Amino acid sequence: MSARRQDTVARGTASGGPDRRRRALFGGGALVVVVVGYFVLAATVPRWWAHRIGDAVGGSLATGLLLGLAFGILCTLLPLLVAWTGLRRRSSAKATAGWLALALLLALPNLWTLSVVVGNGSAAHAGQRTMDVEAPWFRGGTLVGAVTSVVVFAALVIRARRRRPTGKRTR
């Protein structure tokens, strides 16, 4: 028996003793942090985001529409392209997770807008009222931009798949 194995058996981790308890406690603690974080963010982010967008739009219909289209297109198409690139590359799990984390980061503005639109808490309702007054047409513009981006992305993927060689090299 190797020295490392003897040390592991002596501590009791090979039989599922303290190491399993430590993992369970760590997992439970992480779950508590995630749940508490969710409630804190759900109570603050929709209101904060609505005020940032309201300040940027300033009550103008045209600005709300154009800014909504820009956010909808950019914050949907770029994350889709980044995620697609990350998933198509043959790389390590850490690299793939990095690509997906970047895609999530790029999609945050759309996710924040979604938290205002579909949220049912008081912060989401306050954000809806704020966007109604200070950022008209922003939510609709974001939706149109997001749908347009998904259609463009699907067309790009279909085009890329059709242009890919079939595996046999032809001259």
N, C-alpha and C. Protein backbone atom coordinates (compact mmCIF):
# COMPACT_ATOMS: atom_id res chain seq x y z
N MET A 1 0.84 -1.16 0.00
CA MET A 1 0.00 0.00 0.00
C MET A 1 0.89 1.23 0.00
N SER A 2 0.60 2.21 -0.85
CA SER A 2 1.43 3.40 -0.93
C SER A 2 1.25 4.27 0.30
N ALA A 3 2.20 5.19 0.49
CA ALA A 3 2.15 6.08 1.66
C ALA A 3 0.92 6.98 1.58
N ARG A 4 0.60 7.43 0.38
CA ARG A 4 -0.56 8.31 0.23
C ARG A 4 -1.86 7.56 0.57
N ARG A 5 -1.96 6.36 0.11
CA ARG A 5 -3.15 5.54 0.38
C ARG A 5 -3.27 5.24 1.87
N GLN A 6 -2.14 4.94 2.53
CA GLN A 6 -2.17 4.67 3.97
C GLN A 6 -2.61 5.91 4.73
N ASP A 7 -2.14 7.09 4.28
CA ASP A 7 -2.53 8.33 4.95
C ASP A 7 -4.03 8.58 4.78
N THR A 8 -4.54 8.30 3.59
CA THR A 8 -5.97 8.48 3.32
C THR A 8 -6.81 7.54 4.16
N VAL A 9 -6.38 6.29 4.26
CA VAL A 9 -7.12 5.31 5.06
C VAL A 9 -7.06 5.68 6.54
N ALA A 10 -5.89 6.17 6.99
CA ALA A 10 -5.73 6.54 8.40
C ALA A 10 -6.65 7.69 8.77
N ARG A 11 -6.89 8.64 7.84
CA ARG A 11 -7.78 9.76 8.14
C ARG A 11 -9.25 9.38 8.02
N GLY A 12 -9.53 8.32 7.36
CA GLY A 12 -10.92 7.86 7.25
C GLY A 12 -11.61 8.34 5.99
N THR A 13 -10.90 9.00 5.06
CA THR A 13 -11.56 9.52 3.87
C THR A 13 -11.84 8.45 2.84
N ALA A 14 -11.08 7.37 2.83
CA ALA A 14 -11.31 6.33 1.84
C ALA A 14 -12.62 5.60 2.09
N SER A 15 -13.05 5.57 3.34
CA SER A 15 -14.29 4.87 3.66
C SER A 15 -15.50 5.79 3.61
N GLY A 16 -15.30 7.05 3.25
CA GLY A 16 -16.43 7.97 3.14
C GLY A 16 -16.71 8.71 4.42
N GLY A 17 -15.75 8.86 5.29
CA GLY A 17 -15.94 9.54 6.57
C GLY A 17 -15.99 11.05 6.45
N PRO A 18 -15.00 11.73 7.01
CA PRO A 18 -15.04 13.19 7.08
C PRO A 18 -15.08 13.90 5.73
N ASP A 19 -14.48 13.30 4.69
CA ASP A 19 -14.46 13.96 3.39
C ASP A 19 -15.87 14.12 2.84
N ARG A 20 -16.70 13.13 2.99
CA ARG A 20 -18.09 13.24 2.51
C ARG A 20 -18.86 14.28 3.30
N ARG A 21 -18.64 14.33 4.59
CA ARG A 21 -19.32 15.34 5.41
C ARG A 21 -18.88 16.74 5.00
N ARG A 22 -17.59 16.89 4.74
CA ARG A 22 -17.08 18.20 4.33
C ARG A 22 -17.69 18.61 3.00
N ARG A 23 -17.77 17.67 2.07
CA ARG A 23 -18.38 17.98 0.77
C ARG A 23 -19.86 18.32 0.92
N ALA A 24 -20.57 17.58 1.76
CA ALA A 24 -21.99 17.86 1.97
C ALA A 24 -22.19 19.23 2.60
N LEU A 25 -21.36 19.56 3.58
CA LEU A 25 -21.45 20.88 4.20
C LEU A 25 -21.11 21.98 3.21
N PHE A 26 -20.08 21.77 2.41
CA PHE A 26 -19.72 22.76 1.40
C PHE A 26 -20.85 22.92 0.38
N GLY A 27 -21.40 21.81 -0.09
CA GLY A 27 -22.51 21.87 -1.05
C GLY A 27 -23.74 22.54 -0.47
N GLY A 28 -24.06 22.21 0.78
CA GLY A 28 -25.21 22.87 1.43
C GLY A 28 -24.98 24.35 1.62
N GLY A 29 -23.76 24.72 2.01
CA GLY A 29 -23.43 26.14 2.17
C GLY A 29 -23.51 26.88 0.85
N ALA A 30 -23.01 26.25 -0.22
CA ALA A 30 -23.09 26.87 -1.54
C ALA A 30 -24.53 27.04 -1.99
N LEU A 31 -25.37 26.05 -1.69
CA LEU A 31 -26.78 26.15 -2.04
C LEU A 31 -27.46 27.30 -1.30
N VAL A 32 -27.14 27.47 -0.02
CA VAL A 32 -27.70 28.57 0.77
C VAL A 32 -27.26 29.91 0.18
N VAL A 33 -25.99 30.02 -0.19
CA VAL A 33 -25.48 31.27 -0.77
C VAL A 33 -26.19 31.57 -2.09
N VAL A 34 -26.40 30.56 -2.92
CA VAL A 34 -27.08 30.76 -4.20
C VAL A 34 -28.52 31.20 -3.98
N VAL A 35 -29.22 30.58 -3.06
CA VAL A 35 -30.63 30.93 -2.81
C VAL A 35 -30.74 32.35 -2.26
N VAL A 36 -29.90 32.68 -1.28
CA VAL A 36 -29.92 34.03 -0.71
C VAL A 36 -29.55 35.05 -1.79
N GLY A 37 -28.53 34.72 -2.61
CA GLY A 37 -28.13 35.62 -3.69
C GLY A 37 -29.26 35.85 -4.68
N TYR A 38 -29.99 34.78 -4.99
CA TYR A 38 -31.12 34.92 -5.90
C TYR A 38 -32.15 35.91 -5.37
N PHE A 39 -32.51 35.77 -4.10
CA PHE A 39 -33.52 36.66 -3.54
C PHE A 39 -33.03 38.10 -3.45
N VAL A 40 -31.77 38.28 -3.13
CA VAL A 40 -31.22 39.64 -3.07
C VAL A 40 -31.22 40.26 -4.47
N LEU A 41 -30.75 39.50 -5.46
CA LEU A 41 -30.72 40.03 -6.82
C LEU A 41 -32.12 40.25 -7.38
N ALA A 42 -33.06 39.36 -7.08
CA ALA A 42 -34.43 39.52 -7.56
C ALA A 42 -35.09 40.76 -6.97
N ALA A 43 -34.64 41.16 -5.80
CA ALA A 43 -35.21 42.33 -5.14
C ALA A 43 -34.54 43.63 -5.57
N THR A 44 -33.39 43.55 -6.24
CA THR A 44 -32.68 44.78 -6.57
C THR A 44 -32.43 44.99 -8.06
N VAL A 45 -32.08 43.95 -8.79
CA VAL A 45 -31.65 44.11 -10.18
C VAL A 45 -32.73 44.69 -11.09
N PRO A 46 -33.98 44.22 -11.07
CA PRO A 46 -34.97 44.79 -12.01
C PRO A 46 -35.17 46.29 -11.83
N ARG A 47 -35.25 46.75 -10.61
CA ARG A 47 -35.42 48.18 -10.36
C ARG A 47 -34.19 48.95 -10.82
N TRP A 48 -33.00 48.45 -10.47
CA TRP A 48 -31.75 49.12 -10.85
C TRP A 48 -31.62 49.19 -12.37
N TRP A 49 -31.88 48.09 -13.07
CA TRP A 49 -31.75 48.05 -14.52
C TRP A 49 -32.76 48.98 -15.18
N ALA A 50 -33.97 49.01 -14.69
CA ALA A 50 -34.99 49.89 -15.27
C ALA A 50 -34.58 51.36 -15.13
N HIS A 51 -33.99 51.71 -14.02
CA HIS A 51 -33.54 53.10 -13.84
C HIS A 51 -32.36 53.42 -14.75
N ARG A 52 -31.43 52.49 -14.95
CA ARG A 52 -30.30 52.74 -15.86
C ARG A 52 -30.81 52.94 -17.28
N ILE A 53 -31.74 52.09 -17.71
CA ILE A 53 -32.28 52.21 -19.06
C ILE A 53 -33.13 53.48 -19.18
N GLY A 54 -33.92 53.75 -18.15
CA GLY A 54 -34.71 54.97 -18.16
C GLY A 54 -33.85 56.22 -18.27
N ASP A 55 -32.72 56.24 -17.57
CA ASP A 55 -31.81 57.38 -17.67
C ASP A 55 -31.22 57.49 -19.08
N ALA A 56 -30.93 56.35 -19.71
CA ALA A 56 -30.34 56.37 -21.05
C ALA A 56 -31.37 56.79 -22.11
N VAL A 57 -32.61 56.35 -21.96
CA VAL A 57 -33.64 56.64 -22.97
C VAL A 57 -34.22 58.04 -22.76
N GLY A 58 -34.48 58.40 -21.54
CA GLY A 58 -34.98 59.74 -21.25
C GLY A 58 -36.40 60.00 -21.73
N GLY A 59 -37.21 58.97 -21.88
CA GLY A 59 -38.60 59.16 -22.24
C GLY A 59 -38.87 59.25 -23.73
N SER A 60 -37.86 59.17 -24.57
CA SER A 60 -38.03 59.29 -26.01
C SER A 60 -38.42 57.94 -26.62
N LEU A 61 -39.48 57.97 -27.44
CA LEU A 61 -39.93 56.75 -28.09
C LEU A 61 -38.87 56.20 -29.05
N ALA A 62 -38.32 57.07 -29.88
CA ALA A 62 -37.33 56.62 -30.87
C ALA A 62 -36.07 56.08 -30.19
N THR A 63 -35.61 56.76 -29.16
CA THR A 63 -34.42 56.30 -28.44
C THR A 63 -34.70 54.96 -27.78
N GLY A 64 -35.87 54.81 -27.19
CA GLY A 64 -36.23 53.55 -26.56
C GLY A 64 -36.25 52.41 -27.56
N LEU A 65 -36.82 52.65 -28.73
CA LEU A 65 -36.88 51.62 -29.76
C LEU A 65 -35.48 51.27 -30.27
N LEU A 66 -34.68 52.28 -30.61
CA LEU A 66 -33.35 52.02 -31.15
C LEU A 66 -32.43 51.37 -30.12
N LEU A 67 -32.49 51.83 -28.89
CA LEU A 67 -31.65 51.24 -27.85
C LEU A 67 -32.11 49.81 -27.56
N GLY A 68 -33.42 49.59 -27.56
CA GLY A 68 -33.94 48.24 -27.37
C GLY A 68 -33.51 47.30 -28.49
N LEU A 69 -33.58 47.77 -29.73
CA LEU A 69 -33.12 46.95 -30.86
C LEU A 69 -31.63 46.64 -30.74
N ALA A 70 -30.84 47.65 -30.38
CA ALA A 70 -29.40 47.44 -30.25
C ALA A 70 -29.09 46.42 -29.16
N PHE A 71 -29.72 46.57 -27.99
CA PHE A 71 -29.50 45.60 -26.92
C PHE A 71 -30.01 44.23 -27.32
N GLY A 72 -31.16 44.16 -27.95
CA GLY A 72 -31.73 42.88 -28.34
C GLY A 72 -30.87 42.15 -29.34
N ILE A 73 -30.35 42.88 -30.33
CA ILE A 73 -29.52 42.25 -31.35
C ILE A 73 -28.16 41.86 -30.79
N LEU A 74 -27.48 42.82 -30.20
CA LEU A 74 -26.11 42.56 -29.73
C LEU A 74 -26.05 41.56 -28.58
N CYS A 75 -26.97 41.70 -27.64
CA CYS A 75 -26.92 40.85 -26.44
C CYS A 75 -27.60 39.51 -26.64
N THR A 76 -28.01 39.23 -27.86
CA THR A 76 -28.50 37.90 -28.21
C THR A 76 -27.57 37.24 -29.22
N LEU A 77 -27.24 37.98 -30.28
CA LEU A 77 -26.41 37.39 -31.34
C LEU A 77 -24.99 37.11 -30.85
N LEU A 78 -24.38 38.05 -30.14
CA LEU A 78 -23.01 37.81 -29.66
C LEU A 78 -22.92 36.63 -28.69
N PRO A 79 -23.80 36.52 -27.69
CA PRO A 79 -23.72 35.34 -26.82
C PRO A 79 -23.96 34.03 -27.57
N LEU A 80 -24.85 34.03 -28.53
CA LEU A 80 -25.08 32.80 -29.31
C LEU A 80 -23.84 32.42 -30.10
N LEU A 81 -23.19 33.40 -30.72
CA LEU A 81 -21.98 33.12 -31.49
C LEU A 81 -20.84 32.65 -30.59
N VAL A 82 -20.70 33.28 -29.43
CA VAL A 82 -19.64 32.89 -28.50
C VAL A 82 -19.88 31.48 -27.97
N ALA A 83 -21.12 31.19 -27.58
CA ALA A 83 -21.44 29.85 -27.08
C ALA A 83 -21.24 28.80 -28.17
N TRP A 84 -21.64 29.11 -29.38
CA TRP A 84 -21.48 28.19 -30.50
C TRP A 84 -20.00 27.93 -30.76
N THR A 85 -19.21 28.98 -30.74
CA THR A 85 -17.77 28.83 -30.92
C THR A 85 -17.17 27.97 -29.82
N GLY A 86 -17.56 28.25 -28.59
CA GLY A 86 -17.03 27.48 -27.47
C GLY A 86 -17.42 26.02 -27.49
N LEU A 87 -18.62 25.73 -27.93
CA LEU A 87 -19.08 24.35 -27.96
C LEU A 87 -18.55 23.58 -29.17
N ARG A 88 -18.21 24.28 -30.24
CA ARG A 88 -17.70 23.61 -31.44
C ARG A 88 -16.23 23.28 -31.33
N ARG A 89 -15.49 24.05 -30.55
CA ARG A 89 -14.05 23.79 -30.40
C ARG A 89 -13.84 22.52 -29.59
N ARG A 90 -12.84 21.80 -29.95
CA ARG A 90 -12.49 20.60 -29.18
C ARG A 90 -11.44 21.01 -28.18
N SER A 91 -11.91 21.42 -27.02
CA SER A 91 -10.99 21.87 -25.98
C SER A 91 -11.42 21.30 -24.64
N SER A 92 -10.70 21.69 -23.61
CA SER A 92 -10.96 21.14 -22.29
C SER A 92 -12.30 21.63 -21.75
N ALA A 93 -12.75 20.98 -20.70
CA ALA A 93 -14.01 21.37 -20.08
C ALA A 93 -13.90 22.77 -19.49
N LYS A 94 -12.72 23.12 -18.97
CA LYS A 94 -12.53 24.46 -18.41
C LYS A 94 -12.62 25.53 -19.49
N ALA A 95 -12.04 25.26 -20.64
CA ALA A 95 -12.11 26.23 -21.74
C ALA A 95 -13.55 26.38 -22.22
N THR A 96 -14.27 25.29 -22.35
CA THR A 96 -15.68 25.35 -22.76
C THR A 96 -16.49 26.12 -21.73
N ALA A 97 -16.24 25.87 -20.45
CA ALA A 97 -16.95 26.61 -19.40
C ALA A 97 -16.62 28.09 -19.48
N GLY A 98 -15.38 28.42 -19.83
CA GLY A 98 -15.00 29.82 -19.99
C GLY A 98 -15.76 30.48 -21.13
N TRP A 99 -15.87 29.80 -22.25
CA TRP A 99 -16.64 30.32 -23.38
C TRP A 99 -18.10 30.54 -23.00
N LEU A 100 -18.68 29.55 -22.30
CA LEU A 100 -20.08 29.68 -21.89
C LEU A 100 -20.27 30.79 -20.86
N ALA A 101 -19.30 30.96 -19.97
CA ALA A 101 -19.37 32.05 -18.99
C ALA A 101 -19.30 33.40 -19.71
N LEU A 102 -18.46 33.52 -20.73
CA LEU A 102 -18.39 34.75 -21.51
C LEU A 102 -19.72 35.01 -22.23
N ALA A 103 -20.32 33.96 -22.77
CA ALA A 103 -21.62 34.11 -23.43
C ALA A 103 -22.67 34.59 -22.44
N LEU A 104 -22.67 34.04 -21.24
CA LEU A 104 -23.62 34.46 -20.21
C LEU A 104 -23.38 35.92 -19.82
N LEU A 105 -22.14 36.31 -19.71
CA LEU A 105 -21.81 37.69 -19.38
C LEU A 105 -22.31 38.65 -20.46
N LEU A 106 -22.15 38.27 -21.72
CA LEU A 106 -22.63 39.10 -22.81
C LEU A 106 -24.15 39.17 -22.87
N ALA A 107 -24.82 38.16 -22.37
CA ALA A 107 -26.29 38.11 -22.41
C ALA A 107 -26.93 38.79 -21.20
N LEU A 108 -26.15 39.23 -20.23
CA LEU A 108 -26.73 39.80 -19.00
C LEU A 108 -27.72 40.94 -19.23
N PRO A 109 -27.45 41.91 -20.11
CA PRO A 109 -28.46 42.97 -20.30
C PRO A 109 -29.83 42.44 -20.73
N ASN A 110 -29.85 41.44 -21.61
CA ASN A 110 -31.13 40.84 -22.00
C ASN A 110 -31.77 40.10 -20.83
N LEU A 111 -30.95 39.42 -20.04
CA LEU A 111 -31.49 38.71 -18.88
C LEU A 111 -32.04 39.69 -17.85
N TRP A 112 -31.39 40.82 -17.68
CA TRP A 112 -31.90 41.83 -16.75
C TRP A 112 -33.22 42.41 -17.26
N THR A 113 -33.31 42.65 -18.56
CA THR A 113 -34.57 43.14 -19.13
C THR A 113 -35.65 42.09 -18.96
N LEU A 114 -35.29 40.83 -19.15
CA LEU A 114 -36.25 39.74 -18.95
C LEU A 114 -36.72 39.68 -17.51
N SER A 115 -35.82 39.98 -16.56
CA SER A 115 -36.23 39.97 -15.15
C SER A 115 -37.24 41.06 -14.85
N VAL A 116 -37.19 42.15 -15.60
CA VAL A 116 -38.19 43.20 -15.44
C VAL A 116 -39.51 42.77 -16.07
N VAL A 117 -39.42 42.16 -17.24
CA VAL A 117 -40.63 41.82 -18.00
C VAL A 117 -41.42 40.69 -17.36
N VAL A 118 -40.76 39.61 -16.96
CA VAL A 118 -41.48 38.44 -16.47
C VAL A 118 -41.44 38.30 -14.95
N GLY A 119 -40.70 39.15 -14.29
CA GLY A 119 -40.62 39.05 -12.83
C GLY A 119 -41.96 39.35 -12.18
N ASN A 120 -42.21 38.75 -11.03
CA ASN A 120 -43.48 39.00 -10.34
C ASN A 120 -43.28 39.61 -8.97
N GLY A 121 -42.07 40.03 -8.65
CA GLY A 121 -41.81 40.68 -7.37
C GLY A 121 -42.06 42.17 -7.44
N SER A 122 -41.95 42.82 -6.31
CA SER A 122 -42.18 44.27 -6.27
C SER A 122 -41.13 45.02 -7.07
N ALA A 123 -39.89 44.54 -7.10
CA ALA A 123 -38.85 45.22 -7.88
C ALA A 123 -39.15 45.13 -9.38
N ALA A 124 -39.65 43.99 -9.82
CA ALA A 124 -39.99 43.84 -11.24
C ALA A 124 -41.16 44.74 -11.61
N HIS A 125 -42.16 44.83 -10.73
CA HIS A 125 -43.30 45.71 -11.02
C HIS A 125 -42.88 47.17 -11.02
N ALA A 126 -41.99 47.56 -10.11
CA ALA A 126 -41.47 48.92 -10.11
C ALA A 126 -40.66 49.18 -11.38
N GLY A 127 -39.88 48.18 -11.81
CA GLY A 127 -39.12 48.31 -13.04
C GLY A 127 -40.01 48.44 -14.26
N GLN A 128 -41.12 47.70 -14.28
CA GLN A 128 -42.07 47.82 -15.39
C GLN A 128 -42.65 49.23 -15.45
N ARG A 129 -43.06 49.76 -14.31
CA ARG A 129 -43.60 51.12 -14.28
C ARG A 129 -42.55 52.15 -14.71
N THR A 130 -41.33 51.96 -14.25
CA THR A 130 -40.26 52.88 -14.63
C THR A 130 -40.02 52.83 -16.13
N MET A 131 -39.97 51.63 -16.70
CA MET A 131 -39.74 51.52 -18.15
C MET A 131 -40.93 52.04 -18.95
N ASP A 132 -42.14 51.90 -18.43
CA ASP A 132 -43.31 52.44 -19.12
C ASP A 132 -43.19 53.95 -19.30
N VAL A 133 -42.70 54.63 -18.27
CA VAL A 133 -42.63 56.09 -18.28
C VAL A 133 -41.32 56.59 -18.89
N GLU A 134 -40.20 56.04 -18.44
CA GLU A 134 -38.90 56.59 -18.82
C GLU A 134 -38.25 55.92 -20.02
N ALA A 135 -38.67 54.71 -20.37
CA ALA A 135 -38.06 53.98 -21.48
C ALA A 135 -39.13 53.32 -22.35
N PRO A 136 -40.02 54.13 -22.95
CA PRO A 136 -41.06 53.53 -23.77
C PRO A 136 -40.46 52.83 -24.99
N TRP A 137 -41.06 51.73 -25.35
CA TRP A 137 -40.72 50.91 -26.51
C TRP A 137 -39.40 50.16 -26.35
N PHE A 138 -38.72 50.32 -25.23
CA PHE A 138 -37.45 49.61 -25.04
C PHE A 138 -37.67 48.10 -24.96
N ARG A 139 -38.66 47.68 -24.18
CA ARG A 139 -38.90 46.25 -24.02
C ARG A 139 -39.32 45.61 -25.33
N GLY A 140 -40.17 46.27 -26.09
CA GLY A 140 -40.60 45.75 -27.39
C GLY A 140 -39.45 45.72 -28.39
N GLY A 141 -38.64 46.77 -28.39
CA GLY A 141 -37.47 46.79 -29.27
C GLY A 141 -36.48 45.69 -28.93
N THR A 142 -36.30 45.42 -27.64
CA THR A 142 -35.41 44.34 -27.22
C THR A 142 -35.94 43.00 -27.70
N LEU A 143 -37.23 42.79 -27.60
CA LEU A 143 -37.83 41.53 -28.06
C LEU A 143 -37.65 41.36 -29.56
N VAL A 144 -37.92 42.41 -30.33
CA VAL A 144 -37.76 42.33 -31.78
C VAL A 144 -36.30 42.06 -32.15
N GLY A 145 -35.38 42.73 -31.47
CA GLY A 145 -33.96 42.51 -31.73
C GLY A 145 -33.52 41.10 -31.38
N ALA A 146 -34.02 40.57 -30.27
CA ALA A 146 -33.65 39.22 -29.85
C ALA A 146 -34.18 38.18 -30.84
N VAL A 147 -35.42 38.32 -31.26
CA VAL A 147 -35.99 37.37 -32.22
C VAL A 147 -35.25 37.46 -33.55
N THR A 148 -34.93 38.67 -33.99
CA THR A 148 -34.17 38.85 -35.23
C THR A 148 -32.81 38.17 -35.12
N SER A 149 -32.15 38.31 -33.97
CA SER A 149 -30.84 37.69 -33.78
C SER A 149 -30.92 36.18 -33.81
N VAL A 150 -31.94 35.62 -33.23
CA VAL A 150 -32.09 34.16 -33.24
C VAL A 150 -32.29 33.66 -34.68
N VAL A 151 -33.07 34.39 -35.47
CA VAL A 151 -33.29 34.01 -36.86
C VAL A 151 -31.99 34.12 -37.65
N VAL A 152 -31.23 35.22 -37.45
CA VAL A 152 -29.96 35.40 -38.14
C VAL A 152 -28.97 34.29 -37.73
N PHE A 153 -28.92 33.98 -36.44
CA PHE A 153 -28.03 32.93 -35.95
C PHE A 153 -28.40 31.58 -36.57
N ALA A 154 -29.68 31.28 -36.62
CA ALA A 154 -30.11 30.00 -37.21
C ALA A 154 -29.72 29.95 -38.69
N ALA A 155 -29.85 31.06 -39.39
CA ALA A 155 -29.46 31.10 -40.80
C ALA A 155 -27.96 30.91 -40.96
N LEU A 156 -27.17 31.51 -40.07
CA LEU A 156 -25.72 31.34 -40.11
C LEU A 156 -25.32 29.88 -39.85
N VAL A 157 -25.96 29.25 -38.89
CA VAL A 157 -25.65 27.86 -38.58
C VAL A 157 -26.03 26.95 -39.75
N ILE A 158 -27.19 27.18 -40.34
CA ILE A 158 -27.62 26.36 -41.49
C ILE A 158 -26.66 26.56 -42.65
N ARG A 159 -26.25 27.79 -42.88
CA ARG A 159 -25.31 28.07 -43.98
C ARG A 159 -23.96 27.41 -43.72
N ALA A 160 -23.50 27.48 -42.47
CA ALA A 160 -22.21 26.87 -42.14
C ALA A 160 -22.27 25.36 -42.29
N ARG A 161 -23.37 24.75 -41.94
CA ARG A 161 -23.50 23.29 -42.05
C ARG A 161 -23.59 22.85 -43.51
N ARG A 162 -24.19 23.67 -44.35
CA ARG A 162 -24.29 23.32 -45.76
C ARG A 162 -22.95 23.47 -46.47
N ARG A 163 -22.13 24.40 -46.02
CA ARG A 163 -20.85 24.64 -46.66
C ARG A 163 -19.77 23.68 -46.17
N ARG A 164 -20.02 22.97 -45.08
CA ARG A 164 -19.03 22.05 -44.52
C ARG A 164 -18.85 20.86 -45.46
N PRO A 165 -17.60 20.46 -45.67
CA PRO A 165 -17.38 19.28 -46.52
C PRO A 165 -17.97 18.03 -45.86
N THR A 166 -18.30 17.06 -46.67
CA THR A 166 -18.97 15.87 -46.17
C THR A 166 -18.02 14.86 -45.56
N GLY A 167 -16.74 15.15 -45.53
CA GLY A 167 -15.80 14.21 -44.95
C GLY A 167 -14.85 13.63 -45.98
N LYS A 168 -15.33 13.39 -47.19
CA LYS A 168 -14.49 12.91 -48.26
C LYS A 168 -13.94 14.13 -49.00
N ARG A 169 -12.67 14.06 -49.25
CA ARG A 169 -12.05 15.18 -49.95
C ARG A 169 -12.22 14.96 -51.46
N THR A 170 -12.85 15.90 -52.12
CA THR A 170 -13.04 15.81 -53.55
C THR A 170 -12.18 16.85 -54.23
N ARG A 171 -11.69 16.51 -55.38
CA ARG A 171 -10.84 17.46 -56.12
C ARG A 171 -11.56 17.97 -57.32
